[in-house]
Amino acid sequence: MVSLESFKIDLKSLEQGATPFEFELDDAFFESLETAEVQRGNLHVSLLVNRTNDYYDLNFHIEGSVMVPCDLCLDDMEQKINTDNRLAAKFGENYSEDDDLVTVIEDEGILDVAWFIYEFTELNIPIKHVHAPGKCNPAMIKKLEEHSATRSSGEKIETDVDPRWAALSNLKIED
């Protein structure tokens, strides 16, 4: 497990203007979040926080790769990540997240960006993730084809038209 303390940014301590942050994420980062989708990966995150009075503009650039299961063979596959995301933060009485605006409790002034980095990464993963052609586990593909063939050959293909609907084909509509 890795400590996520380095992802907590003290917004009050930042000077006016731009402040850069760099993060290197590895398997330990993903394991510490205990998420279901992504468990392993190597990412580089560049974060630029631009402070204007009590308003903060956070610009994330995330690049690298994560391991996700292939939808066909279930083996791990590498998914490239390259994304730019923006988030705004301000101070308020209660913590809240509304679209791209985060309200941080003013007395604390701490914004934890670890979960935002994870969400931006996960949102960059396509819904369907499949190995390149020929790269899937051949044994698993063979099993998949066997079960697909059994299922399709076991079903009776109905070519006869239901007699209740057949009478409709005799109707002629004149223009």
N, C-alpha and C. Protein backbone atom coordinates (compact mmCIF):
# COMPACT_ATOMS: atom_id res chain seq x y z
N MET A 1 0.84 -1.19 0.00
CA MET A 1 0.00 0.00 0.00
C MET A 1 0.88 1.25 0.00
N VAL A 2 0.42 2.24 -0.71
CA VAL A 2 1.14 3.50 -0.79
C VAL A 2 0.36 4.56 -0.03
N SER A 3 1.05 5.51 0.53
CA SER A 3 0.39 6.59 1.24
C SER A 3 -0.17 7.59 0.22
N LEU A 4 -1.40 7.96 0.42
CA LEU A 4 -2.04 8.91 -0.49
C LEU A 4 -1.91 10.35 0.01
N GLU A 5 -1.10 10.56 1.03
CA GLU A 5 -0.92 11.90 1.59
C GLU A 5 -0.34 12.89 0.58
N SER A 6 0.51 12.40 -0.33
CA SER A 6 1.14 13.30 -1.30
C SER A 6 0.13 13.86 -2.31
N PHE A 7 -1.07 13.28 -2.35
CA PHE A 7 -2.10 13.74 -3.28
C PHE A 7 -3.01 14.79 -2.63
N LYS A 8 -2.76 15.10 -1.37
CA LYS A 8 -3.54 16.13 -0.69
C LYS A 8 -2.83 17.47 -0.84
N ILE A 9 -3.50 18.39 -1.50
CA ILE A 9 -2.91 19.69 -1.80
C ILE A 9 -3.51 20.73 -0.86
N ASP A 10 -2.64 21.44 -0.16
CA ASP A 10 -3.08 22.52 0.73
C ASP A 10 -3.25 23.77 -0.13
N LEU A 11 -4.47 24.03 -0.52
CA LEU A 11 -4.76 25.14 -1.42
C LEU A 11 -4.42 26.49 -0.81
N LYS A 12 -4.60 26.62 0.50
CA LYS A 12 -4.33 27.90 1.15
C LYS A 12 -2.85 28.27 1.11
N SER A 13 -1.98 27.28 1.06
CA SER A 13 -0.54 27.56 1.09
C SER A 13 0.02 27.91 -0.29
N LEU A 14 -0.77 27.74 -1.34
CA LEU A 14 -0.28 28.03 -2.69
C LEU A 14 -0.20 29.53 -2.94
N GLU A 15 0.85 29.92 -3.64
CA GLU A 15 1.03 31.32 -4.03
C GLU A 15 0.09 31.65 -5.18
N GLN A 16 -0.15 32.94 -5.39
CA GLN A 16 -0.92 33.38 -6.56
C GLN A 16 -0.17 32.96 -7.81
N GLY A 17 -0.92 32.57 -8.86
CA GLY A 17 -0.29 32.13 -10.11
C GLY A 17 -0.27 30.61 -10.20
N ALA A 18 0.60 30.12 -11.07
CA ALA A 18 0.63 28.69 -11.38
C ALA A 18 1.64 27.94 -10.49
N THR A 19 1.20 26.77 -10.01
CA THR A 19 2.05 25.88 -9.23
C THR A 19 1.96 24.49 -9.84
N PRO A 20 3.10 23.93 -10.29
CA PRO A 20 3.07 22.59 -10.91
C PRO A 20 3.26 21.48 -9.86
N PHE A 21 2.63 20.34 -10.13
CA PHE A 21 2.79 19.12 -9.34
C PHE A 21 3.02 17.97 -10.31
N GLU A 22 3.84 17.00 -9.92
CA GLU A 22 4.10 15.81 -10.72
C GLU A 22 3.86 14.59 -9.85
N PHE A 23 3.20 13.59 -10.41
CA PHE A 23 2.94 12.34 -9.70
C PHE A 23 3.29 11.17 -10.61
N GLU A 24 3.94 10.16 -10.05
CA GLU A 24 4.20 8.91 -10.74
C GLU A 24 3.34 7.84 -10.07
N LEU A 25 2.44 7.24 -10.84
CA LEU A 25 1.53 6.25 -10.30
C LEU A 25 1.94 4.86 -10.77
N ASP A 26 1.94 3.91 -9.84
CA ASP A 26 2.24 2.53 -10.19
C ASP A 26 1.18 1.63 -9.57
N ASP A 27 1.43 0.33 -9.58
CA ASP A 27 0.46 -0.64 -9.07
C ASP A 27 0.03 -0.32 -7.64
N ALA A 28 0.96 0.15 -6.82
CA ALA A 28 0.66 0.44 -5.42
C ALA A 28 -0.42 1.51 -5.28
N PHE A 29 -0.43 2.50 -6.17
CA PHE A 29 -1.45 3.54 -6.14
C PHE A 29 -2.83 2.94 -6.35
N PHE A 30 -2.96 2.10 -7.39
CA PHE A 30 -4.27 1.51 -7.71
C PHE A 30 -4.73 0.54 -6.62
N GLU A 31 -3.80 -0.20 -6.03
CA GLU A 31 -4.14 -1.12 -4.95
C GLU A 31 -4.62 -0.36 -3.71
N SER A 32 -4.03 0.80 -3.45
CA SER A 32 -4.42 1.56 -2.26
C SER A 32 -5.82 2.15 -2.39
N LEU A 33 -6.30 2.35 -3.63
CA LEU A 33 -7.66 2.87 -3.83
C LEU A 33 -8.71 1.78 -3.73
N GLU A 34 -8.30 0.51 -3.84
CA GLU A 34 -9.21 -0.64 -3.73
C GLU A 34 -10.41 -0.50 -4.67
N THR A 35 -10.10 -0.31 -5.94
CA THR A 35 -11.15 -0.20 -6.96
C THR A 35 -11.29 -1.50 -7.71
N ALA A 36 -12.39 -1.66 -8.38
CA ALA A 36 -12.65 -2.92 -9.09
C ALA A 36 -12.09 -2.91 -10.51
N GLU A 37 -12.22 -1.83 -11.23
CA GLU A 37 -11.88 -1.81 -12.64
C GLU A 37 -10.37 -1.86 -12.90
N VAL A 38 -9.61 -0.94 -12.38
CA VAL A 38 -8.18 -0.85 -12.66
C VAL A 38 -7.41 -1.21 -11.40
N GLN A 39 -6.57 -2.23 -11.51
CA GLN A 39 -5.77 -2.67 -10.36
C GLN A 39 -4.28 -2.43 -10.56
N ARG A 40 -3.86 -2.29 -11.83
CA ARG A 40 -2.45 -2.11 -12.11
C ARG A 40 -2.26 -1.08 -13.21
N GLY A 41 -1.11 -0.43 -13.19
CA GLY A 41 -0.80 0.53 -14.24
C GLY A 41 0.41 1.37 -13.90
N ASN A 42 0.87 2.09 -14.88
CA ASN A 42 1.97 3.05 -14.74
C ASN A 42 1.56 4.33 -15.44
N LEU A 43 1.39 5.38 -14.66
CA LEU A 43 0.94 6.65 -15.21
C LEU A 43 1.82 7.78 -14.71
N HIS A 44 1.96 8.79 -15.54
CA HIS A 44 2.60 10.03 -15.14
C HIS A 44 1.53 11.11 -15.16
N VAL A 45 1.41 11.83 -14.06
CA VAL A 45 0.40 12.89 -13.96
C VAL A 45 1.10 14.22 -13.77
N SER A 46 0.78 15.16 -14.64
CA SER A 46 1.24 16.54 -14.49
C SER A 46 0.01 17.37 -14.12
N LEU A 47 0.13 18.07 -13.00
CA LEU A 47 -0.99 18.88 -12.52
C LEU A 47 -0.49 20.31 -12.38
N LEU A 48 -1.21 21.23 -12.99
CA LEU A 48 -0.89 22.64 -12.88
C LEU A 48 -2.06 23.32 -12.18
N VAL A 49 -1.79 23.88 -11.00
CA VAL A 49 -2.82 24.57 -10.23
C VAL A 49 -2.58 26.07 -10.38
N ASN A 50 -3.57 26.76 -10.95
CA ASN A 50 -3.48 28.20 -11.13
C ASN A 50 -4.40 28.87 -10.12
N ARG A 51 -3.79 29.63 -9.20
CA ARG A 51 -4.57 30.30 -8.15
C ARG A 51 -4.83 31.75 -8.51
N THR A 52 -6.10 32.13 -8.40
CA THR A 52 -6.53 33.51 -8.55
C THR A 52 -7.38 33.83 -7.34
N ASN A 53 -6.81 34.53 -6.37
CA ASN A 53 -7.46 34.81 -5.08
C ASN A 53 -7.88 33.49 -4.44
N ASP A 54 -9.18 33.26 -4.22
CA ASP A 54 -9.63 32.01 -3.60
C ASP A 54 -10.27 31.07 -4.62
N TYR A 55 -9.91 31.21 -5.88
CA TYR A 55 -10.41 30.35 -6.95
C TYR A 55 -9.21 29.62 -7.55
N TYR A 56 -9.37 28.32 -7.77
CA TYR A 56 -8.26 27.49 -8.24
C TYR A 56 -8.68 26.75 -9.51
N ASP A 57 -7.83 26.82 -10.51
CA ASP A 57 -8.05 26.12 -11.77
C ASP A 57 -7.01 25.00 -11.84
N LEU A 58 -7.46 23.74 -11.84
CA LEU A 58 -6.56 22.59 -11.85
C LEU A 58 -6.60 21.94 -13.23
N ASN A 59 -5.45 21.83 -13.87
CA ASN A 59 -5.34 21.22 -15.19
C ASN A 59 -4.48 19.96 -15.07
N PHE A 60 -5.10 18.81 -15.36
CA PHE A 60 -4.45 17.51 -15.24
C PHE A 60 -4.05 17.01 -16.64
N HIS A 61 -2.84 16.49 -16.75
CA HIS A 61 -2.44 15.76 -17.95
C HIS A 61 -1.97 14.39 -17.46
N ILE A 62 -2.66 13.34 -17.92
CA ILE A 62 -2.37 11.97 -17.47
C ILE A 62 -1.94 11.16 -18.68
N GLU A 63 -0.79 10.49 -18.55
CA GLU A 63 -0.24 9.73 -19.66
C GLU A 63 0.39 8.44 -19.15
N GLY A 64 0.22 7.36 -19.88
CA GLY A 64 0.80 6.08 -19.51
C GLY A 64 -0.09 4.94 -19.94
N SER A 65 -0.15 3.89 -19.12
CA SER A 65 -0.99 2.74 -19.46
C SER A 65 -1.48 2.06 -18.19
N VAL A 66 -2.61 1.40 -18.31
CA VAL A 66 -3.19 0.62 -17.22
C VAL A 66 -3.51 -0.77 -17.76
N MET A 67 -3.64 -1.73 -16.86
CA MET A 67 -4.00 -3.09 -17.24
C MET A 67 -5.47 -3.31 -16.95
N VAL A 68 -6.20 -3.77 -17.96
CA VAL A 68 -7.62 -4.07 -17.82
C VAL A 68 -7.87 -5.45 -18.43
N PRO A 69 -8.94 -6.15 -18.00
CA PRO A 69 -9.22 -7.45 -18.59
C PRO A 69 -9.82 -7.31 -19.99
N CYS A 70 -9.39 -8.18 -20.89
CA CYS A 70 -9.94 -8.22 -22.25
C CYS A 70 -11.37 -8.74 -22.16
N ASP A 71 -12.27 -8.13 -22.90
CA ASP A 71 -13.68 -8.54 -22.87
C ASP A 71 -13.90 -9.91 -23.49
N LEU A 72 -13.01 -10.37 -24.36
CA LEU A 72 -13.18 -11.67 -24.99
C LEU A 72 -12.52 -12.80 -24.22
N CYS A 73 -11.21 -12.68 -23.97
CA CYS A 73 -10.47 -13.81 -23.39
C CYS A 73 -10.23 -13.65 -21.89
N LEU A 74 -10.53 -12.50 -21.32
CA LEU A 74 -10.39 -12.19 -19.90
C LEU A 74 -8.95 -12.09 -19.43
N ASP A 75 -7.96 -12.22 -20.32
CA ASP A 75 -6.56 -11.99 -19.96
C ASP A 75 -6.34 -10.49 -19.81
N ASP A 76 -5.33 -10.12 -19.02
CA ASP A 76 -5.00 -8.71 -18.89
C ASP A 76 -4.47 -8.16 -20.20
N MET A 77 -4.82 -6.93 -20.47
CA MET A 77 -4.30 -6.24 -21.65
C MET A 77 -3.92 -4.82 -21.27
N GLU A 78 -2.96 -4.29 -21.98
CA GLU A 78 -2.50 -2.93 -21.71
C GLU A 78 -3.39 -1.94 -22.45
N GLN A 79 -3.88 -0.94 -21.72
CA GLN A 79 -4.71 0.11 -22.32
C GLN A 79 -3.95 1.43 -22.16
N LYS A 80 -3.64 2.07 -23.27
CA LYS A 80 -2.93 3.35 -23.23
C LYS A 80 -3.87 4.44 -22.72
N ILE A 81 -3.31 5.35 -21.95
CA ILE A 81 -4.05 6.48 -21.39
C ILE A 81 -3.33 7.76 -21.79
N ASN A 82 -4.06 8.71 -22.32
CA ASN A 82 -3.53 10.03 -22.62
C ASN A 82 -4.71 10.98 -22.57
N THR A 83 -4.82 11.73 -21.50
CA THR A 83 -6.00 12.57 -21.31
C THR A 83 -5.64 13.89 -20.64
N ASP A 84 -6.39 14.91 -20.97
CA ASP A 84 -6.28 16.22 -20.34
C ASP A 84 -7.64 16.53 -19.73
N ASN A 85 -7.63 16.93 -18.46
CA ASN A 85 -8.87 17.24 -17.75
C ASN A 85 -8.69 18.51 -16.94
N ARG A 86 -9.81 19.16 -16.71
CA ARG A 86 -9.82 20.42 -15.96
C ARG A 86 -10.80 20.31 -14.80
N LEU A 87 -10.43 20.94 -13.71
CA LEU A 87 -11.26 20.96 -12.51
C LEU A 87 -11.09 22.34 -11.86
N ALA A 88 -12.14 22.87 -11.33
CA ALA A 88 -12.07 24.16 -10.63
C ALA A 88 -12.39 23.92 -9.16
N ALA A 89 -11.77 24.70 -8.30
CA ALA A 89 -12.01 24.57 -6.86
C ALA A 89 -12.16 25.95 -6.24
N LYS A 90 -12.97 25.99 -5.21
CA LYS A 90 -13.17 27.22 -4.45
C LYS A 90 -13.43 26.84 -3.01
N PHE A 91 -13.40 27.81 -2.14
CA PHE A 91 -13.68 27.56 -0.72
C PHE A 91 -15.15 27.79 -0.41
N GLY A 92 -15.65 27.04 0.57
CA GLY A 92 -17.03 27.18 1.03
C GLY A 92 -17.17 26.57 2.41
N GLU A 93 -18.41 26.56 2.90
CA GLU A 93 -18.67 26.02 4.24
C GLU A 93 -18.71 24.50 4.26
N ASN A 94 -19.21 23.88 3.16
CA ASN A 94 -19.33 22.42 3.08
C ASN A 94 -18.64 21.91 1.83
N TYR A 95 -18.13 20.69 1.93
CA TYR A 95 -17.50 20.06 0.77
C TYR A 95 -18.60 19.63 -0.21
N SER A 96 -18.38 19.90 -1.50
CA SER A 96 -19.33 19.44 -2.53
C SER A 96 -18.62 19.34 -3.87
N GLU A 97 -19.19 18.51 -4.72
CA GLU A 97 -18.70 18.35 -6.09
C GLU A 97 -19.87 18.56 -7.03
N ASP A 98 -19.80 19.60 -7.85
CA ASP A 98 -20.83 19.90 -8.85
C ASP A 98 -20.16 20.00 -10.20
N ASP A 99 -20.41 18.99 -11.07
CA ASP A 99 -19.79 18.94 -12.40
C ASP A 99 -18.28 19.10 -12.26
N ASP A 100 -17.73 20.20 -12.77
CA ASP A 100 -16.29 20.43 -12.74
C ASP A 100 -15.87 21.41 -11.65
N LEU A 101 -16.74 21.65 -10.67
CA LEU A 101 -16.43 22.57 -9.58
C LEU A 101 -16.48 21.84 -8.25
N VAL A 102 -15.38 21.93 -7.51
CA VAL A 102 -15.29 21.32 -6.19
C VAL A 102 -15.25 22.44 -5.16
N THR A 103 -16.10 22.34 -4.16
CA THR A 103 -16.08 23.29 -3.06
C THR A 103 -15.36 22.63 -1.89
N VAL A 104 -14.28 23.24 -1.44
CA VAL A 104 -13.44 22.72 -0.36
C VAL A 104 -13.80 23.48 0.92
N ILE A 105 -13.86 22.74 2.03
CA ILE A 105 -14.16 23.37 3.31
C ILE A 105 -13.06 24.39 3.62
N GLU A 106 -13.45 25.64 3.84
CA GLU A 106 -12.48 26.73 3.99
C GLU A 106 -11.57 26.54 5.19
N ASP A 107 -12.09 26.02 6.29
CA ASP A 107 -11.26 25.84 7.48
C ASP A 107 -10.15 24.82 7.26
N GLU A 108 -10.40 23.82 6.41
CA GLU A 108 -9.39 22.80 6.13
C GLU A 108 -8.47 23.25 5.00
N GLY A 109 -9.05 23.62 3.86
CA GLY A 109 -8.27 24.08 2.72
C GLY A 109 -7.51 23.00 1.98
N ILE A 110 -7.82 21.73 2.25
CA ILE A 110 -7.11 20.60 1.63
C ILE A 110 -7.98 19.97 0.55
N LEU A 111 -7.39 19.75 -0.63
CA LEU A 111 -8.06 19.07 -1.72
C LEU A 111 -7.28 17.80 -2.05
N ASP A 112 -7.94 16.65 -1.91
CA ASP A 112 -7.33 15.37 -2.22
C ASP A 112 -7.61 15.06 -3.69
N VAL A 113 -6.56 15.02 -4.52
CA VAL A 113 -6.75 14.83 -5.95
C VAL A 113 -6.59 13.37 -6.38
N ALA A 114 -6.30 12.46 -5.47
CA ALA A 114 -6.08 11.04 -5.83
C ALA A 114 -7.29 10.45 -6.53
N TRP A 115 -8.47 10.65 -5.97
CA TRP A 115 -9.67 10.05 -6.56
C TRP A 115 -10.01 10.71 -7.90
N PHE A 116 -9.76 12.00 -8.03
CA PHE A 116 -10.01 12.69 -9.31
C PHE A 116 -9.10 12.12 -10.40
N ILE A 117 -7.84 11.88 -10.06
CA ILE A 117 -6.90 11.29 -11.01
C ILE A 117 -7.40 9.92 -11.45
N TYR A 118 -7.85 9.12 -10.48
CA TYR A 118 -8.36 7.79 -10.82
C TYR A 118 -9.59 7.90 -11.74
N GLU A 119 -10.52 8.78 -11.41
CA GLU A 119 -11.73 8.92 -12.23
C GLU A 119 -11.40 9.39 -13.64
N PHE A 120 -10.49 10.35 -13.78
CA PHE A 120 -10.09 10.82 -15.11
C PHE A 120 -9.47 9.67 -15.91
N THR A 121 -8.68 8.84 -15.24
CA THR A 121 -8.06 7.69 -15.90
C THR A 121 -9.12 6.70 -16.35
N GLU A 122 -10.03 6.34 -15.44
CA GLU A 122 -11.05 5.35 -15.76
C GLU A 122 -11.98 5.85 -16.88
N LEU A 123 -12.28 7.12 -16.89
CA LEU A 123 -13.14 7.67 -17.94
C LEU A 123 -12.46 7.66 -19.30
N ASN A 124 -11.14 7.54 -19.33
CA ASN A 124 -10.41 7.49 -20.59
C ASN A 124 -10.31 6.08 -21.15
N ILE A 125 -10.75 5.07 -20.41
CA ILE A 125 -10.73 3.69 -20.87
C ILE A 125 -11.98 3.45 -21.71
N PRO A 126 -11.81 2.94 -22.94
CA PRO A 126 -12.99 2.68 -23.77
C PRO A 126 -13.93 1.67 -23.12
N ILE A 127 -15.21 1.75 -23.45
CA ILE A 127 -16.19 0.82 -22.89
C ILE A 127 -15.84 -0.61 -23.28
N LYS A 128 -15.47 -0.79 -24.53
CA LYS A 128 -15.10 -2.12 -25.00
C LYS A 128 -13.58 -2.18 -25.10
N HIS A 129 -12.97 -3.12 -24.38
CA HIS A 129 -11.53 -3.28 -24.49
C HIS A 129 -11.21 -4.72 -24.87
N VAL A 130 -10.61 -4.85 -26.06
CA VAL A 130 -10.30 -6.15 -26.63
C VAL A 130 -8.88 -6.11 -27.18
N HIS A 131 -8.18 -7.23 -27.03
CA HIS A 131 -6.84 -7.35 -27.60
C HIS A 131 -6.88 -7.07 -29.11
N ALA A 132 -5.73 -6.74 -29.65
CA ALA A 132 -5.60 -6.62 -31.12
C ALA A 132 -5.86 -8.00 -31.72
N PRO A 133 -6.32 -8.06 -32.97
CA PRO A 133 -6.59 -9.37 -33.59
C PRO A 133 -5.39 -10.31 -33.48
N GLY A 134 -5.67 -11.53 -33.03
CA GLY A 134 -4.63 -12.54 -32.89
C GLY A 134 -3.88 -12.51 -31.57
N LYS A 135 -4.15 -11.56 -30.70
CA LYS A 135 -3.43 -11.43 -29.43
C LYS A 135 -4.17 -12.03 -28.25
N CYS A 136 -5.45 -12.42 -28.43
CA CYS A 136 -6.23 -13.01 -27.35
C CYS A 136 -5.71 -14.41 -27.02
N ASN A 137 -6.01 -14.87 -25.82
CA ASN A 137 -5.64 -16.20 -25.35
C ASN A 137 -6.32 -17.23 -26.26
N PRO A 138 -5.55 -18.02 -27.02
CA PRO A 138 -6.16 -18.95 -27.99
C PRO A 138 -7.03 -20.01 -27.33
N ALA A 139 -6.65 -20.50 -26.15
CA ALA A 139 -7.45 -21.53 -25.47
C ALA A 139 -8.81 -20.96 -25.09
N MET A 140 -8.83 -19.74 -24.61
CA MET A 140 -10.09 -19.12 -24.20
C MET A 140 -10.97 -18.83 -25.42
N ILE A 141 -10.38 -18.38 -26.51
CA ILE A 141 -11.14 -18.11 -27.73
C ILE A 141 -11.75 -19.41 -28.26
N LYS A 142 -10.99 -20.51 -28.18
CA LYS A 142 -11.51 -21.80 -28.64
C LYS A 142 -12.73 -22.20 -27.81
N LYS A 143 -12.64 -22.06 -26.48
CA LYS A 143 -13.77 -22.38 -25.60
C LYS A 143 -14.97 -21.50 -25.92
N LEU A 144 -14.72 -20.24 -26.15
CA LEU A 144 -15.79 -19.30 -26.47
C LEU A 144 -16.49 -19.71 -27.77
N GLU A 145 -15.71 -20.10 -28.77
CA GLU A 145 -16.29 -20.54 -30.04
C GLU A 145 -17.08 -21.83 -29.89
N GLU A 146 -16.57 -22.77 -29.05
CA GLU A 146 -17.30 -24.02 -28.82
C GLU A 146 -18.66 -23.76 -28.19
N HIS A 147 -18.68 -22.91 -27.18
CA HIS A 147 -19.95 -22.62 -26.51
C HIS A 147 -20.89 -21.80 -27.38
N SER A 148 -20.34 -20.94 -28.19
CA SER A 148 -21.18 -20.16 -29.10
C SER A 148 -21.77 -21.07 -30.16
N ALA A 149 -21.00 -22.04 -30.66
CA ALA A 149 -21.48 -22.97 -31.69
C ALA A 149 -22.56 -23.88 -31.11
N THR A 150 -22.38 -24.35 -29.88
CA THR A 150 -23.37 -25.21 -29.24
C THR A 150 -24.69 -24.48 -29.07
N ARG A 151 -24.61 -23.26 -28.65
CA ARG A 151 -25.82 -22.48 -28.40
C ARG A 151 -26.55 -22.20 -29.71
N SER A 152 -25.82 -21.82 -30.75
CA SER A 152 -26.51 -21.48 -31.99
C SER A 152 -27.03 -22.71 -32.72
N SER A 153 -26.34 -23.87 -32.61
CA SER A 153 -26.82 -25.06 -33.29
C SER A 153 -27.99 -25.70 -32.53
N GLY A 154 -28.10 -25.44 -31.25
CA GLY A 154 -29.17 -26.02 -30.45
C GLY A 154 -30.50 -25.30 -30.60
N GLU A 155 -30.47 -24.11 -31.16
CA GLU A 155 -31.71 -23.36 -31.30
C GLU A 155 -32.37 -23.69 -32.62
N LYS A 156 -33.68 -23.78 -32.61
CA LYS A 156 -34.43 -24.04 -33.83
C LYS A 156 -34.72 -22.69 -34.48
N ILE A 157 -34.33 -22.58 -35.72
CA ILE A 157 -34.59 -21.35 -36.46
C ILE A 157 -35.99 -21.44 -37.04
N GLU A 158 -36.83 -20.51 -36.67
CA GLU A 158 -38.22 -20.54 -37.10
C GLU A 158 -38.36 -19.75 -38.40
N THR A 159 -38.71 -20.46 -39.47
CA THR A 159 -38.88 -19.79 -40.76
C THR A 159 -40.34 -19.65 -41.12
N ASP A 160 -41.19 -20.42 -40.46
CA ASP A 160 -42.62 -20.33 -40.74
C ASP A 160 -43.17 -19.05 -40.13
N VAL A 161 -44.10 -18.45 -40.88
CA VAL A 161 -44.73 -17.23 -40.40
C VAL A 161 -45.96 -17.63 -39.60
N ASP A 162 -46.15 -16.97 -38.49
CA ASP A 162 -47.32 -17.20 -37.65
C ASP A 162 -48.57 -16.97 -38.51
N PRO A 163 -49.52 -17.94 -38.53
CA PRO A 163 -50.71 -17.82 -39.38
C PRO A 163 -51.53 -16.57 -39.09
N ARG A 164 -51.49 -16.08 -37.88
CA ARG A 164 -52.24 -14.85 -37.57
C ARG A 164 -51.68 -13.67 -38.33
N TRP A 165 -50.38 -13.67 -38.57
CA TRP A 165 -49.77 -12.58 -39.31
C TRP A 165 -49.75 -12.85 -40.81
N ALA A 166 -49.82 -14.10 -41.21
CA ALA A 166 -49.78 -14.45 -42.63
C ALA A 166 -50.94 -13.81 -43.38
N ALA A 167 -52.10 -13.69 -42.75
CA ALA A 167 -53.27 -13.10 -43.40
C ALA A 167 -53.01 -11.64 -43.77
N LEU A 168 -52.16 -10.97 -43.04
CA LEU A 168 -51.87 -9.57 -43.33
C LEU A 168 -51.14 -9.41 -44.66
N SER A 169 -50.37 -10.41 -45.05
CA SER A 169 -49.65 -10.30 -46.33
C SER A 169 -50.61 -10.31 -47.52
N ASN A 170 -51.84 -10.77 -47.33
CA ASN A 170 -52.83 -10.80 -48.41
C ASN A 170 -53.51 -9.44 -48.62
N LEU A 171 -53.37 -8.56 -47.65
CA LEU A 171 -53.99 -7.24 -47.77
C LEU A 171 -53.24 -6.42 -48.80
N LYS A 172 -54.01 -5.75 -49.64
CA LYS A 172 -53.42 -4.88 -50.66
C LYS A 172 -53.85 -3.45 -50.34
N ILE A 173 -52.89 -2.61 -50.24
CA ILE A 173 -53.19 -1.21 -49.98
C ILE A 173 -53.05 -0.44 -51.28
N GLU A 174 -54.11 0.24 -51.67
CA GLU A 174 -54.09 0.98 -52.91
C GLU A 174 -53.77 2.45 -52.60
N ASP A 175 -53.01 3.04 -53.45
CA ASP A 175 -52.64 4.45 -53.28
C ASP A 175 -53.72 5.38 -53.72
